Amino acid sequence: MTIRRVCVYCGSRVGGRPEYVEAAQSLGQALLARDLELVYGGANVGLMGAVADTVLEGGGRVTGVIPQGLERREVAHSGLTDLRVVSSMHERKSTMASLSDVFVSLPGGIGTFEETLEMMTWAQLGIHNQPCGLINVSGFYDGLLNFLDHSVKEGFMDAENRELLMVAPEPGDLLDLLEAAYGAHSNAV
C-alpha cells in the first residue's frame, strides 16, 4: 500500500525567512513528483497558500478544509480541486485526518503546533496509525524537539512515543521516511 494523500500543517503567514516559503514550495514540488495529493487548511495566504499554489500550478490535486469562521479571515483559496467548508476547528482537524495517509508539518504558529501534537497524540493513543513528521527548516523546530526530548528525560513521555514524530530538514527526505513507515505499517497489518 502506498501513500496517496499528505496532510500538511503550516503557517497562515510566511514567517521571517525566505527559507520557509522555499520549503513550502519544495514540499509542493516533492508532492507533485510523487503524484501525491495535498490536504491542508484551505487558505490562500502564508505557507498554506505557497504549498497549495505550487501543487496547483504543477497540475496536482489539492483538497482544502476550512471552518466557516476562518473562511474570510484566512481567505479561503478559490482555486482548489476540492474546498470543504466545515463548521468548526474540530471538524476541520477530523476531516483532514480522515482524508490523509500521513501528516507533515512545516513552520507555523500555535495552530500548527497544536495540530502536529494532536496527530502525534492520536497516534500514541491508537486513534490512528499514520506516520507524522515535520520539516525542520533552518532549525525552526529545534526548541520543540528539545522540549519533547526533555519530556522523555523527565518521565512524562515514553521514548517510543517521542519517535512517533519523524524529522528531516528537507521535504523529500521527510517524505522518504514517511513512505517507509507507511509501507512498513501496511505490510505488518
Protein backbone atom coordinates (compact mmCIF):
# COMPACT_ATOMS: atom_id res chain seq x y z
CA MET A 1 0.00 0.00 0.00
CA THR A 2 1.33 3.43 -0.89
CA ILE A 3 0.67 6.96 0.27
CA ARG A 4 -1.94 8.83 -1.78
CA ARG A 5 -2.71 11.92 0.30
CA VAL A 6 -0.46 14.04 2.51
CA CYS A 7 -1.92 16.34 5.15
CA VAL A 8 0.22 19.44 5.60
CA TYR A 9 0.05 21.74 8.62
CA CYS A 10 1.78 25.11 8.28
CA GLY A 11 1.53 28.81 8.90
CA SER A 12 -1.04 31.22 7.53
CA ARG A 13 1.91 33.65 7.47
CA VAL A 14 5.16 33.32 5.53
CA GLY A 15 7.43 33.94 8.52
CA GLY A 16 10.60 35.98 8.64
CA ARG A 17 12.92 33.94 6.42
CA PRO A 18 12.78 33.17 2.71
CA GLU A 19 13.70 29.56 3.54
CA TYR A 20 10.20 28.97 4.91
CA VAL A 21 8.46 29.80 1.62
CA GLU A 22 11.15 27.91 -0.28
CA ALA A 23 10.47 24.82 1.88
CA ALA A 24 6.72 25.10 1.27
CA GLN A 25 7.30 25.31 -2.48
CA SER A 26 9.82 22.47 -2.33
CA LEU A 27 7.28 20.33 -0.48
CA GLY A 28 4.70 21.11 -3.16
CA GLN A 29 7.19 20.07 -5.84
CA ALA A 30 8.02 16.86 -3.95
CA LEU A 31 4.31 16.02 -3.73
CA LEU A 32 3.95 16.59 -7.46
CA ALA A 33 6.99 14.44 -8.26
CA ARG A 34 5.45 11.55 -6.30
CA ASP A 35 1.92 12.15 -7.61
CA LEU A 36 0.61 12.78 -4.08
CA GLU A 37 -2.49 14.83 -3.28
CA LEU A 38 -2.23 17.70 -0.82
CA VAL A 39 -4.74 18.02 2.03
CA TYR A 40 -4.37 21.25 4.01
CA GLY A 41 -6.21 24.06 5.80
CA GLY A 42 -7.75 25.65 2.71
CA ALA A 43 -6.29 29.18 2.84
CA ASN A 44 -4.53 31.10 0.08
CA VAL A 45 -2.23 33.03 2.43
CA GLY A 46 1.11 32.30 4.08
CA LEU A 47 2.90 28.99 3.75
CA MET A 48 -0.51 27.38 3.29
CA GLY A 49 -1.03 29.31 0.08
CA ALA A 50 2.54 28.71 -1.08
CA VAL A 51 2.36 24.93 -0.86
CA ALA A 52 -1.15 24.81 -2.37
CA ASP A 53 -0.25 27.13 -5.25
CA THR A 54 2.85 25.09 -6.07
CA VAL A 55 0.84 21.87 -6.28
CA LEU A 56 -1.95 23.51 -8.30
CA GLU A 57 0.47 25.18 -10.72
CA GLY A 58 2.02 21.76 -11.34
CA GLY A 59 -1.35 20.20 -12.14
CA GLY A 60 -1.74 18.34 -8.84
CA ARG A 61 -4.81 17.76 -6.69
CA VAL A 62 -5.40 19.91 -3.60
CA THR A 63 -8.14 19.48 -1.01
CA GLY A 64 -8.61 22.33 1.45
CA VAL A 65 -10.64 22.17 4.65
CA ILE A 66 -11.55 25.46 6.31
CA PRO A 67 -14.05 26.36 9.07
CA GLN A 68 -16.77 28.87 8.28
CA GLY A 69 -15.34 31.28 10.84
CA LEU A 70 -11.96 31.35 9.11
CA GLU A 71 -13.22 31.29 5.54
CA ARG A 72 -12.89 35.07 5.24
CA ARG A 73 -10.16 35.69 7.82
CA GLU A 74 -7.69 33.22 6.32
CA VAL A 75 -9.05 33.95 2.84
CA ALA A 76 -10.23 30.60 1.53
CA HIS A 77 -8.42 29.52 -1.63
CA SER A 78 -10.84 29.72 -4.56
CA GLY A 79 -8.77 27.65 -7.00
CA LEU A 80 -8.61 24.31 -5.20
CA THR A 81 -9.56 20.95 -6.62
CA ASP A 82 -11.84 20.49 -3.60
CA LEU A 83 -12.66 23.08 -0.91
CA ARG A 84 -14.63 21.84 2.07
CA VAL A 85 -16.13 24.43 4.39
CA VAL A 86 -16.85 22.91 7.80
CA SER A 87 -18.49 24.23 10.95
CA SER A 88 -15.60 24.13 13.46
CA MET A 89 -11.88 23.65 14.02
CA HIS A 90 -12.65 20.22 15.48
CA GLU A 91 -14.44 19.21 12.31
CA ARG A 92 -11.59 20.66 10.23
CA LYS A 93 -8.97 18.55 12.00
CA SER A 94 -11.10 15.42 11.93
CA THR A 95 -11.88 15.84 8.23
CA MET A 96 -8.26 16.49 7.32
CA ALA A 97 -7.16 13.42 9.30
CA SER A 98 -9.79 11.19 7.69
CA LEU A 99 -8.69 12.26 4.19
CA SER A 100 -4.96 11.73 4.77
CA ASP A 101 -2.43 8.91 4.87
CA VAL A 102 0.42 10.80 6.56
CA PHE A 103 0.92 14.14 8.32
CA VAL A 104 3.63 16.73 7.59
CA SER A 105 4.32 19.99 9.40
CA LEU A 106 6.17 22.98 8.02
CA PRO A 107 6.94 26.02 10.20
CA GLY A 108 3.95 27.80 11.67
CA GLY A 109 2.44 29.17 14.86
CA ILE A 110 0.30 27.86 17.68
CA GLY A 111 -2.27 26.29 15.34
CA THR A 112 0.43 24.34 13.52
CA PHE A 113 2.00 23.22 16.81
CA GLU A 114 -1.38 22.14 18.17
CA GLU A 115 -2.30 20.18 15.04
CA THR A 116 1.10 18.48 14.93
CA LEU A 117 0.98 17.47 18.58
CA GLU A 118 -2.65 16.35 18.32
CA MET A 119 -1.86 13.97 15.46
CA MET A 120 1.11 12.68 17.45
CA THR A 121 -1.19 12.19 20.46
CA TRP A 122 -3.78 10.39 18.34
CA ALA A 123 -1.04 8.02 17.13
CA GLN A 124 0.10 7.45 20.72
CA LEU A 125 -3.47 6.63 21.76
CA GLY A 126 -4.07 4.36 18.77
CA ILE A 127 -6.76 6.60 17.26
CA HIS A 128 -4.81 6.43 14.00
CA ASN A 129 -1.65 4.69 12.86
CA GLN A 130 -0.49 7.14 10.21
CA PRO A 131 3.09 8.45 10.31
CA CYS A 132 3.69 12.04 11.46
CA GLY A 133 6.66 14.20 10.61
CA LEU A 134 7.98 17.69 10.46
CA ILE A 135 10.31 19.54 8.16
CA ASN A 136 12.81 21.28 10.41
CA VAL A 137 13.58 24.24 8.15
CA SER A 138 16.72 26.08 9.31
CA GLY A 139 16.31 24.56 12.80
CA PHE A 140 12.83 26.08 13.25
CA TYR A 141 11.64 23.12 15.34
CA ASP A 142 14.81 22.61 17.41
CA GLY A 143 13.16 24.05 20.52
CA LEU A 144 10.10 21.81 20.22
CA LEU A 145 12.26 18.74 19.61
CA ASN A 146 14.41 19.57 22.64
CA PHE A 147 11.25 20.00 24.72
CA LEU A 148 9.91 16.60 23.62
CA ASP A 149 13.26 15.01 24.49
CA HIS A 150 13.11 16.76 27.87
CA SER A 151 9.64 15.30 28.44
CA VAL A 152 11.06 11.82 27.83
CA LYS A 153 14.01 12.50 30.15
CA GLU A 154 11.65 13.72 32.88
CA GLY A 155 9.47 10.61 32.60
CA PHE A 156 6.34 12.18 31.10
CA MET A 157 6.67 10.54 27.69
CA ASP A 158 7.93 7.15 26.57
CA ALA A 159 10.82 7.21 24.11
CA GLU A 160 8.76 5.14 21.66
CA ASN A 161 6.07 7.83 21.65
CA ARG A 162 8.69 10.53 21.03
CA GLU A 163 9.76 8.52 17.98
CA LEU A 164 6.25 8.86 16.53
CA LEU A 165 7.37 12.24 15.19
CA MET A 166 9.84 11.85 12.33
CA VAL A 167 12.08 14.78 11.44
CA ALA A 168 14.06 15.84 8.37
CA PRO A 169 15.40 19.18 7.14
CA GLU A 170 14.20 18.68 3.55
CA PRO A 171 10.73 17.76 2.20
CA GLY A 172 11.93 14.90 0.00
CA ASP A 173 13.87 13.34 2.88
CA LEU A 174 10.83 13.50 5.16
CA LEU A 175 8.55 12.00 2.51
CA ASP A 176 11.04 9.12 2.15
CA LEU A 177 10.85 8.48 5.91
CA LEU A 178 7.05 8.69 5.96
CA GLU A 179 6.69 6.40 2.93
CA ALA A 180 8.95 3.79 4.54
CA ALA A 181 7.00 3.95 7.80
CA TYR A 182 3.65 3.84 6.00
CA GLY A 183 4.79 0.89 3.88
CA ALA A 184 6.16 -0.95 6.93
CA HIS A 185 2.87 -0.48 8.75
CA SER A 186 0.83 -1.58 5.73
CA ASN A 187 2.92 -4.74 5.38
CA ALA A 188 2.52 -5.52 9.09
CA VAL A 189 -1.28 -5.25 9.04
